[in-house]
Amino acid sequence: MTEEVYSIWLQSSTCSQNIFNFIEKYAKEENKDTFLPHVTLVSHISSKENGIKVLKKLSSQKCEVVFDKFSIGDTYFQKLYLESSNNSYFFKTVSKIEVWPSLWVPHLSLSYGDELPKSFDPGELNELIPITISFDTLSLYKTGPKVSEWMEITTQPLH
């Protein structure tokens, strides 16, 4: 039996259809599951109860973030993603959590995998950015290695 793992995501109820279109396109061509656009604020939470406790510690302010570059990573869940030059909102949001990793890079993934999607075109992504996203929801998700098994547990609107 696999151990349950939970994550807290920052989401936008009005997230750009363009971002979801990229996620969907890349997932379909690689025969992978799609996922909702999000920025993972906290991961590797061991239980739903701990997740709810951590959720209550996070800042409840909504915010607009400008994603102004895309990056290619070395790990499965950070293969192709958007980044913001100004990450102060993300760091402020998690500032009340003890022992949060200083090397954390807030990002919005577009594709998961070991390889870049076949149709990856830097020019196409450069046309997308800069893109401003209004984050208005914190969500606790049951996550883990299989995207198809991810499940929303609860959400909390931001003010």
N, C-alpha and C. Protein backbone atom coordinates (compact mmCIF):
# COMPACT_ATOMS: atom_id res chain seq x y z
N MET A 1 0.84 -1.20 0.00
CA MET A 1 0.00 0.00 0.00
C MET A 1 0.88 1.25 0.00
N THR A 2 0.55 2.19 -0.87
CA THR A 2 1.36 3.41 -0.92
C THR A 2 0.91 4.38 0.17
N GLU A 3 1.88 5.11 0.64
CA GLU A 3 1.65 6.10 1.68
C GLU A 3 0.89 7.29 1.10
N GLU A 4 -0.07 7.81 1.86
CA GLU A 4 -0.81 8.97 1.39
C GLU A 4 0.05 10.22 1.51
N VAL A 5 -0.06 11.09 0.51
CA VAL A 5 0.69 12.34 0.48
C VAL A 5 -0.28 13.44 0.09
N TYR A 6 -0.12 14.60 0.72
CA TYR A 6 -0.98 15.74 0.45
C TYR A 6 -0.14 16.95 0.08
N SER A 7 -0.75 17.85 -0.68
CA SER A 7 -0.09 19.09 -1.10
C SER A 7 -1.08 20.23 -1.02
N ILE A 8 -0.55 21.42 -0.84
CA ILE A 8 -1.38 22.63 -0.84
C ILE A 8 -1.03 23.43 -2.08
N TRP A 9 -2.07 23.73 -2.84
CA TRP A 9 -1.92 24.46 -4.09
C TRP A 9 -2.53 25.85 -3.99
N LEU A 10 -1.93 26.76 -4.72
CA LEU A 10 -2.49 28.08 -4.95
C LEU A 10 -3.11 28.01 -6.34
N GLN A 11 -4.40 28.38 -6.43
CA GLN A 11 -5.09 28.28 -7.71
C GLN A 11 -5.85 29.56 -8.02
N SER A 12 -6.27 29.63 -9.27
CA SER A 12 -7.04 30.77 -9.74
C SER A 12 -8.36 30.25 -10.32
N SER A 13 -9.47 30.81 -9.85
CA SER A 13 -10.77 30.39 -10.38
C SER A 13 -10.97 30.90 -11.80
N THR A 14 -10.17 31.87 -12.20
CA THR A 14 -10.29 32.43 -13.55
C THR A 14 -9.01 32.24 -14.35
N CYS A 15 -8.28 31.18 -14.06
CA CYS A 15 -6.98 30.97 -14.72
C CYS A 15 -7.13 30.97 -16.24
N SER A 16 -6.13 31.46 -16.86
CA SER A 16 -6.11 31.60 -18.31
C SER A 16 -6.38 30.28 -19.02
N GLN A 17 -7.30 30.33 -19.97
CA GLN A 17 -7.58 29.14 -20.79
C GLN A 17 -6.33 28.76 -21.59
N ASN A 18 -5.52 29.78 -21.95
CA ASN A 18 -4.29 29.50 -22.70
C ASN A 18 -3.35 28.58 -21.93
N ILE A 19 -3.23 28.80 -20.63
CA ILE A 19 -2.36 27.94 -19.81
C ILE A 19 -2.91 26.52 -19.79
N PHE A 20 -4.21 26.38 -19.53
CA PHE A 20 -4.78 25.03 -19.51
C PHE A 20 -4.66 24.37 -20.88
N ASN A 21 -4.78 25.13 -21.96
CA ASN A 21 -4.64 24.57 -23.31
C ASN A 21 -3.25 23.96 -23.50
N PHE A 22 -2.21 24.64 -23.01
CA PHE A 22 -0.86 24.10 -23.11
C PHE A 22 -0.74 22.81 -22.29
N ILE A 23 -1.24 22.84 -21.06
CA ILE A 23 -1.17 21.65 -20.19
C ILE A 23 -1.86 20.47 -20.88
N GLU A 24 -3.06 20.73 -21.40
CA GLU A 24 -3.84 19.67 -22.05
C GLU A 24 -3.15 19.15 -23.31
N LYS A 25 -2.65 20.05 -24.12
CA LYS A 25 -1.97 19.68 -25.37
C LYS A 25 -0.75 18.80 -25.08
N TYR A 26 0.09 19.25 -24.15
CA TYR A 26 1.31 18.50 -23.84
C TYR A 26 0.97 17.14 -23.22
N ALA A 27 -0.03 17.09 -22.35
CA ALA A 27 -0.41 15.82 -21.71
C ALA A 27 -0.95 14.83 -22.75
N LYS A 28 -1.81 15.32 -23.63
CA LYS A 28 -2.40 14.42 -24.64
C LYS A 28 -1.34 13.85 -25.57
N GLU A 29 -0.43 14.68 -26.05
CA GLU A 29 0.56 14.18 -27.00
C GLU A 29 1.56 13.22 -26.35
N GLU A 30 1.72 13.33 -25.04
CA GLU A 30 2.63 12.43 -24.32
C GLU A 30 1.86 11.28 -23.65
N ASN A 31 0.55 11.22 -23.91
CA ASN A 31 -0.31 10.19 -23.33
C ASN A 31 -0.24 10.18 -21.80
N LYS A 32 -0.34 11.39 -21.24
CA LYS A 32 -0.31 11.56 -19.79
C LYS A 32 -1.61 12.21 -19.33
N ASP A 33 -1.83 12.19 -18.02
CA ASP A 33 -3.03 12.81 -17.47
C ASP A 33 -2.86 14.32 -17.40
N THR A 34 -3.97 15.05 -17.64
CA THR A 34 -3.94 16.50 -17.48
C THR A 34 -4.09 16.84 -16.00
N PHE A 35 -3.77 18.06 -15.67
CA PHE A 35 -3.89 18.55 -14.29
C PHE A 35 -4.29 20.01 -14.36
N LEU A 36 -4.87 20.48 -13.26
CA LEU A 36 -5.29 21.88 -13.21
C LEU A 36 -4.09 22.79 -12.99
N PRO A 37 -4.11 23.98 -13.58
CA PRO A 37 -3.02 24.94 -13.33
C PRO A 37 -2.95 25.28 -11.85
N HIS A 38 -1.76 25.28 -11.30
CA HIS A 38 -1.57 25.57 -9.88
C HIS A 38 -0.11 25.86 -9.58
N VAL A 39 0.12 26.48 -8.42
CA VAL A 39 1.46 26.62 -7.86
C VAL A 39 1.44 25.83 -6.56
N THR A 40 2.30 24.83 -6.45
CA THR A 40 2.37 24.05 -5.22
C THR A 40 3.09 24.88 -4.16
N LEU A 41 2.39 25.16 -3.07
CA LEU A 41 3.00 25.93 -1.97
C LEU A 41 3.65 25.01 -0.96
N VAL A 42 3.02 23.88 -0.66
CA VAL A 42 3.54 22.94 0.32
C VAL A 42 3.29 21.54 -0.22
N SER A 43 4.30 20.69 -0.14
CA SER A 43 4.13 19.31 -0.59
C SER A 43 4.63 18.36 0.49
N HIS A 44 4.48 17.09 0.23
CA HIS A 44 4.95 16.04 1.15
C HIS A 44 4.32 16.14 2.54
N ILE A 45 3.04 16.48 2.59
CA ILE A 45 2.31 16.51 3.86
C ILE A 45 1.81 15.09 4.11
N SER A 46 2.00 14.59 5.31
CA SER A 46 1.77 13.17 5.59
C SER A 46 0.33 12.77 5.86
N SER A 47 -0.54 13.71 6.17
CA SER A 47 -1.93 13.34 6.45
C SER A 47 -2.86 14.50 6.12
N LYS A 48 -4.14 14.15 5.94
CA LYS A 48 -5.14 15.18 5.67
C LYS A 48 -5.22 16.16 6.84
N GLU A 49 -5.15 15.64 8.06
CA GLU A 49 -5.22 16.49 9.26
C GLU A 49 -4.07 17.49 9.29
N ASN A 50 -2.86 17.01 9.00
CA ASN A 50 -1.70 17.93 8.94
C ASN A 50 -1.88 18.95 7.83
N GLY A 51 -2.42 18.52 6.72
CA GLY A 51 -2.66 19.44 5.60
C GLY A 51 -3.61 20.55 5.97
N ILE A 52 -4.67 20.21 6.69
CA ILE A 52 -5.64 21.23 7.12
C ILE A 52 -5.00 22.19 8.11
N LYS A 53 -4.14 21.68 9.01
CA LYS A 53 -3.43 22.56 9.96
C LYS A 53 -2.52 23.54 9.22
N VAL A 54 -1.77 23.01 8.24
CA VAL A 54 -0.86 23.87 7.48
C VAL A 54 -1.66 24.89 6.68
N LEU A 55 -2.76 24.47 6.08
CA LEU A 55 -3.61 25.37 5.29
C LEU A 55 -4.02 26.58 6.12
N LYS A 56 -4.34 26.34 7.38
CA LYS A 56 -4.78 27.44 8.26
C LYS A 56 -3.66 28.41 8.60
N LYS A 57 -2.40 27.99 8.47
CA LYS A 57 -1.25 28.85 8.78
C LYS A 57 -0.87 29.78 7.62
N LEU A 58 -1.33 29.45 6.44
CA LEU A 58 -0.91 30.20 5.26
C LEU A 58 -1.63 31.53 5.16
N SER A 59 -0.99 32.48 4.52
CA SER A 59 -1.59 33.80 4.28
C SER A 59 -2.88 33.63 3.51
N SER A 60 -3.86 34.44 3.81
CA SER A 60 -5.15 34.33 3.13
C SER A 60 -5.40 35.48 2.16
N GLN A 61 -4.34 36.16 1.74
CA GLN A 61 -4.49 37.29 0.82
C GLN A 61 -4.43 36.83 -0.63
N LYS A 62 -5.41 37.29 -1.42
CA LYS A 62 -5.33 37.00 -2.84
C LYS A 62 -4.31 37.93 -3.48
N CYS A 63 -3.86 37.57 -4.66
CA CYS A 63 -2.80 38.35 -5.28
C CYS A 63 -2.73 38.09 -6.77
N GLU A 64 -2.20 39.04 -7.48
CA GLU A 64 -1.89 38.86 -8.90
C GLU A 64 -0.39 38.65 -9.04
N VAL A 65 -0.02 37.65 -9.82
CA VAL A 65 1.39 37.35 -10.05
C VAL A 65 1.64 37.36 -11.55
N VAL A 66 2.71 38.01 -11.95
CA VAL A 66 3.09 38.05 -13.36
C VAL A 66 4.14 36.95 -13.59
N PHE A 67 3.79 35.99 -14.44
CA PHE A 67 4.74 34.96 -14.86
C PHE A 67 5.40 35.47 -16.12
N ASP A 68 6.72 35.65 -16.06
CA ASP A 68 7.40 36.32 -17.15
C ASP A 68 8.51 35.52 -17.82
N LYS A 69 8.63 34.24 -17.44
CA LYS A 69 9.60 33.39 -18.14
C LYS A 69 9.19 31.93 -18.00
N PHE A 70 9.67 31.11 -18.91
CA PHE A 70 9.44 29.69 -18.78
C PHE A 70 10.80 29.03 -18.53
N SER A 71 10.77 27.88 -17.88
CA SER A 71 12.01 27.16 -17.56
C SER A 71 11.82 25.68 -17.83
N ILE A 72 12.95 25.02 -18.04
CA ILE A 72 12.99 23.58 -18.24
C ILE A 72 13.75 23.00 -17.07
N GLY A 73 13.12 22.05 -16.38
CA GLY A 73 13.73 21.47 -15.19
C GLY A 73 14.25 20.06 -15.42
N ASP A 74 14.81 19.51 -14.36
CA ASP A 74 15.43 18.18 -14.42
C ASP A 74 14.61 17.09 -13.76
N THR A 75 13.46 17.45 -13.17
CA THR A 75 12.68 16.43 -12.47
C THR A 75 11.32 16.24 -13.15
N TYR A 76 10.70 15.09 -12.90
CA TYR A 76 9.44 14.72 -13.54
C TYR A 76 8.36 15.79 -13.36
N PHE A 77 8.19 16.28 -12.12
CA PHE A 77 7.11 17.24 -11.84
C PHE A 77 7.55 18.69 -12.07
N GLN A 78 8.77 18.88 -12.55
CA GLN A 78 9.23 20.23 -12.91
C GLN A 78 9.97 20.16 -14.24
N LYS A 79 9.30 19.64 -15.26
CA LYS A 79 9.93 19.51 -16.58
C LYS A 79 9.82 20.82 -17.36
N LEU A 80 8.60 21.35 -17.49
CA LEU A 80 8.40 22.60 -18.23
C LEU A 80 7.42 23.43 -17.43
N TYR A 81 7.83 24.65 -17.08
CA TYR A 81 7.00 25.45 -16.18
C TYR A 81 7.23 26.94 -16.37
N LEU A 82 6.27 27.71 -15.84
CA LEU A 82 6.35 29.17 -15.84
C LEU A 82 6.89 29.64 -14.50
N GLU A 83 7.66 30.72 -14.52
CA GLU A 83 8.19 31.33 -13.29
C GLU A 83 7.91 32.82 -13.30
N SER A 84 7.97 33.39 -12.11
CA SER A 84 7.81 34.82 -11.95
C SER A 84 9.13 35.41 -11.43
N SER A 85 9.51 36.56 -11.96
CA SER A 85 10.72 37.23 -11.45
C SER A 85 10.50 37.75 -10.04
N ASN A 86 9.24 37.99 -9.68
CA ASN A 86 8.92 38.49 -8.35
C ASN A 86 8.17 37.41 -7.57
N ASN A 87 8.89 36.68 -6.73
CA ASN A 87 8.29 35.59 -5.95
C ASN A 87 7.93 36.00 -4.53
N SER A 88 7.96 37.29 -4.24
CA SER A 88 7.73 37.73 -2.85
C SER A 88 6.37 37.28 -2.32
N TYR A 89 5.33 37.29 -3.16
CA TYR A 89 4.01 36.85 -2.70
C TYR A 89 4.04 35.39 -2.24
N PHE A 90 4.68 34.53 -3.02
CA PHE A 90 4.74 33.10 -2.66
C PHE A 90 5.48 32.90 -1.34
N PHE A 91 6.60 33.58 -1.19
CA PHE A 91 7.39 33.41 0.04
C PHE A 91 6.65 33.99 1.25
N LYS A 92 5.95 35.10 1.04
CA LYS A 92 5.18 35.67 2.14
C LYS A 92 4.04 34.73 2.55
N THR A 93 3.43 34.09 1.57
CA THR A 93 2.31 33.19 1.84
C THR A 93 2.73 32.01 2.72
N VAL A 94 3.94 31.49 2.52
CA VAL A 94 4.38 30.30 3.29
C VAL A 94 5.26 30.68 4.47
N SER A 95 5.42 31.95 4.75
CA SER A 95 6.38 32.40 5.77
C SER A 95 6.09 31.89 7.18
N LYS A 96 4.85 31.51 7.47
CA LYS A 96 4.52 31.05 8.82
C LYS A 96 4.78 29.55 9.01
N ILE A 97 5.27 28.89 7.99
CA ILE A 97 5.56 27.46 8.09
C ILE A 97 7.03 27.29 8.49
N GLU A 98 7.25 26.57 9.58
CA GLU A 98 8.63 26.35 10.02
C GLU A 98 9.33 25.38 9.07
N VAL A 99 10.60 25.53 8.94
CA VAL A 99 11.49 24.64 8.18
C VAL A 99 11.07 24.46 6.72
N TRP A 100 10.61 25.51 6.10
CA TRP A 100 10.27 25.40 4.68
C TRP A 100 11.54 25.56 3.87
N PRO A 101 11.78 24.73 2.84
CA PRO A 101 13.07 24.73 2.13
C PRO A 101 13.38 26.06 1.44
N SER A 102 14.58 26.53 1.66
CA SER A 102 14.97 27.82 1.07
C SER A 102 15.24 27.71 -0.43
N LEU A 103 15.43 26.50 -0.93
CA LEU A 103 15.71 26.33 -2.36
C LEU A 103 14.44 26.14 -3.19
N TRP A 104 13.29 26.25 -2.55
CA TRP A 104 12.01 26.09 -3.24
C TRP A 104 11.88 27.15 -4.33
N VAL A 105 11.50 26.71 -5.52
CA VAL A 105 11.27 27.62 -6.64
C VAL A 105 9.79 27.58 -6.99
N PRO A 106 9.03 28.62 -6.62
CA PRO A 106 7.61 28.65 -6.97
C PRO A 106 7.46 28.63 -8.49
N HIS A 107 6.57 27.79 -8.99
CA HIS A 107 6.40 27.67 -10.43
C HIS A 107 5.01 27.16 -10.76
N LEU A 108 4.61 27.35 -12.00
CA LEU A 108 3.35 26.83 -12.51
C LEU A 108 3.70 25.87 -13.65
N SER A 109 3.55 24.58 -13.38
CA SER A 109 3.94 23.56 -14.37
C SER A 109 3.01 23.56 -15.57
N LEU A 110 3.62 23.33 -16.73
CA LEU A 110 2.88 23.16 -17.98
C LEU A 110 2.94 21.71 -18.45
N SER A 111 4.02 21.01 -18.07
CA SER A 111 4.18 19.63 -18.50
C SER A 111 4.99 18.86 -17.48
N TYR A 112 4.52 17.64 -17.19
CA TYR A 112 5.26 16.70 -16.35
C TYR A 112 5.88 15.65 -17.27
N GLY A 113 7.01 15.12 -16.87
CA GLY A 113 7.60 14.04 -17.65
C GLY A 113 9.11 14.01 -17.52
N ASP A 114 9.68 13.00 -18.14
CA ASP A 114 11.14 12.87 -18.15
C ASP A 114 11.75 13.59 -19.35
N GLU A 115 10.93 13.81 -20.37
CA GLU A 115 11.37 14.49 -21.59
C GLU A 115 10.44 15.68 -21.85
N LEU A 116 10.93 16.63 -22.62
CA LEU A 116 10.08 17.74 -23.05
C LEU A 116 9.01 17.21 -24.02
N PRO A 117 7.85 17.84 -24.04
CA PRO A 117 6.81 17.42 -25.00
C PRO A 117 7.32 17.56 -26.43
N LYS A 118 6.85 16.69 -27.30
CA LYS A 118 7.30 16.68 -28.71
C LYS A 118 7.06 18.02 -29.38
N SER A 119 5.93 18.66 -29.07
CA SER A 119 5.58 19.91 -29.75
C SER A 119 6.10 21.16 -29.04
N PHE A 120 6.95 20.97 -28.03
CA PHE A 120 7.48 22.14 -27.30
C PHE A 120 8.12 23.12 -28.27
N ASP A 121 7.66 24.35 -28.21
CA ASP A 121 8.16 25.42 -29.07
C ASP A 121 8.39 26.65 -28.20
N PRO A 122 9.66 27.01 -27.96
CA PRO A 122 9.93 28.18 -27.10
C PRO A 122 9.24 29.45 -27.59
N GLY A 123 9.14 29.62 -28.90
CA GLY A 123 8.49 30.81 -29.45
C GLY A 123 7.03 30.89 -29.06
N GLU A 124 6.35 29.74 -29.05
CA GLU A 124 4.94 29.68 -28.68
C GLU A 124 4.76 30.12 -27.22
N LEU A 125 5.65 29.66 -26.34
CA LEU A 125 5.55 30.04 -24.93
C LEU A 125 5.93 31.51 -24.73
N ASN A 126 6.88 32.00 -25.51
CA ASN A 126 7.25 33.41 -25.39
C ASN A 126 6.09 34.32 -25.76
N GLU A 127 5.19 33.84 -26.63
CA GLU A 127 4.00 34.63 -26.97
C GLU A 127 3.01 34.66 -25.81
N LEU A 128 3.03 33.63 -24.96
CA LEU A 128 2.12 33.54 -23.81
C LEU A 128 2.52 34.50 -22.70
N ILE A 129 3.82 34.70 -22.54
CA ILE A 129 4.32 35.49 -21.41
C ILE A 129 4.70 36.90 -21.87
N PRO A 130 4.62 37.87 -20.98
CA PRO A 130 4.19 37.75 -19.59
C PRO A 130 2.68 37.54 -19.48
N ILE A 131 2.29 36.77 -18.48
CA ILE A 131 0.88 36.51 -18.22
C ILE A 131 0.61 36.73 -16.74
N THR A 132 -0.45 37.47 -16.44
CA THR A 132 -0.80 37.78 -15.06
C THR A 132 -1.92 36.85 -14.61
N ILE A 133 -1.72 36.22 -13.45
CA ILE A 133 -2.72 35.31 -12.90
C ILE A 133 -3.15 35.82 -11.53
N SER A 134 -4.46 35.89 -11.34
CA SER A 134 -5.03 36.27 -10.04
C SER A 134 -5.29 35.00 -9.24
N PHE A 135 -4.53 34.83 -8.17
CA PHE A 135 -4.71 33.66 -7.31
C PHE A 135 -5.72 34.02 -6.23
N ASP A 136 -6.80 33.21 -6.15
CA ASP A 136 -7.87 33.50 -5.21
C ASP A 136 -8.31 32.29 -4.39
N THR A 137 -7.57 31.18 -4.49
CA THR A 137 -7.97 29.96 -3.80
C THR A 137 -6.75 29.18 -3.32
N LEU A 138 -6.83 28.69 -2.08
CA LEU A 138 -5.88 27.71 -1.58
C LEU A 138 -6.61 26.38 -1.57
N SER A 139 -5.95 25.33 -2.02
CA SER A 139 -6.59 24.01 -2.08
C SER A 139 -5.68 22.96 -1.47
N LEU A 140 -6.28 22.04 -0.72
CA LEU A 140 -5.57 20.88 -0.21
C LEU A 140 -5.93 19.72 -1.13
N TYR A 141 -4.91 19.09 -1.69
CA TYR A 141 -5.09 17.96 -2.60
C TYR A 141 -4.40 16.72 -2.06
N LYS A 142 -5.03 15.58 -2.26
CA LYS A 142 -4.34 14.31 -2.06
C LYS A 142 -3.56 14.11 -3.35
N THR A 143 -2.25 14.01 -3.24
CA THR A 143 -1.41 13.89 -4.43
C THR A 143 -0.63 12.58 -4.36
N GLY A 144 0.46 12.51 -5.04
CA GLY A 144 1.25 11.29 -5.09
C GLY A 144 1.78 11.10 -6.49
N PRO A 145 2.36 9.94 -6.75
CA PRO A 145 3.02 9.73 -8.05
C PRO A 145 2.07 9.65 -9.24
N LYS A 146 0.80 9.27 -9.05
CA LYS A 146 -0.13 9.13 -10.17
C LYS A 146 -1.06 10.33 -10.25
N VAL A 147 -0.88 11.14 -11.28
CA VAL A 147 -1.70 12.33 -11.46
C VAL A 147 -3.19 11.96 -11.54
N SER A 148 -3.49 10.83 -12.16
CA SER A 148 -4.89 10.42 -12.32
C SER A 148 -5.59 10.18 -10.98
N GLU A 149 -4.81 9.98 -9.91
CA GLU A 149 -5.38 9.72 -8.59
C GLU A 149 -5.42 10.96 -7.69
N TRP A 150 -4.96 12.11 -8.19
CA TRP A 150 -5.01 13.32 -7.39
C TRP A 150 -6.46 13.68 -7.12
N MET A 151 -6.70 14.19 -5.91
CA MET A 151 -8.08 14.49 -5.53
C MET A 151 -8.13 15.71 -4.62
N GLU A 152 -9.03 16.62 -4.95
CA GLU A 152 -9.22 17.80 -4.10
C GLU A 152 -9.90 17.37 -2.80
N ILE A 153 -9.35 17.85 -1.67
CA ILE A 153 -9.90 17.56 -0.35
C ILE A 153 -10.75 18.73 0.14
N THR A 154 -10.17 19.92 0.09
CA THR A 154 -10.89 21.12 0.52
C THR A 154 -10.27 22.35 -0.13
N THR A 155 -11.04 23.43 -0.19
CA THR A 155 -10.53 24.69 -0.70
C THR A 155 -10.85 25.81 0.29
N GLN A 156 -10.07 26.86 0.17
CA GLN A 156 -10.25 28.02 1.03
C GLN A 156 -10.11 29.27 0.16
N PRO A 157 -11.17 30.08 0.08
CA PRO A 157 -11.06 31.30 -0.74
C PRO A 157 -10.11 32.30 -0.08
N LEU A 158 -9.42 33.04 -0.92
CA LEU A 158 -8.51 34.10 -0.43
C LEU A 158 -9.22 35.43 -0.55
N HIS A 159 -8.90 36.35 0.35
CA HIS A 159 -9.57 37.66 0.39
C HIS A 159 -8.63 38.75 -0.08
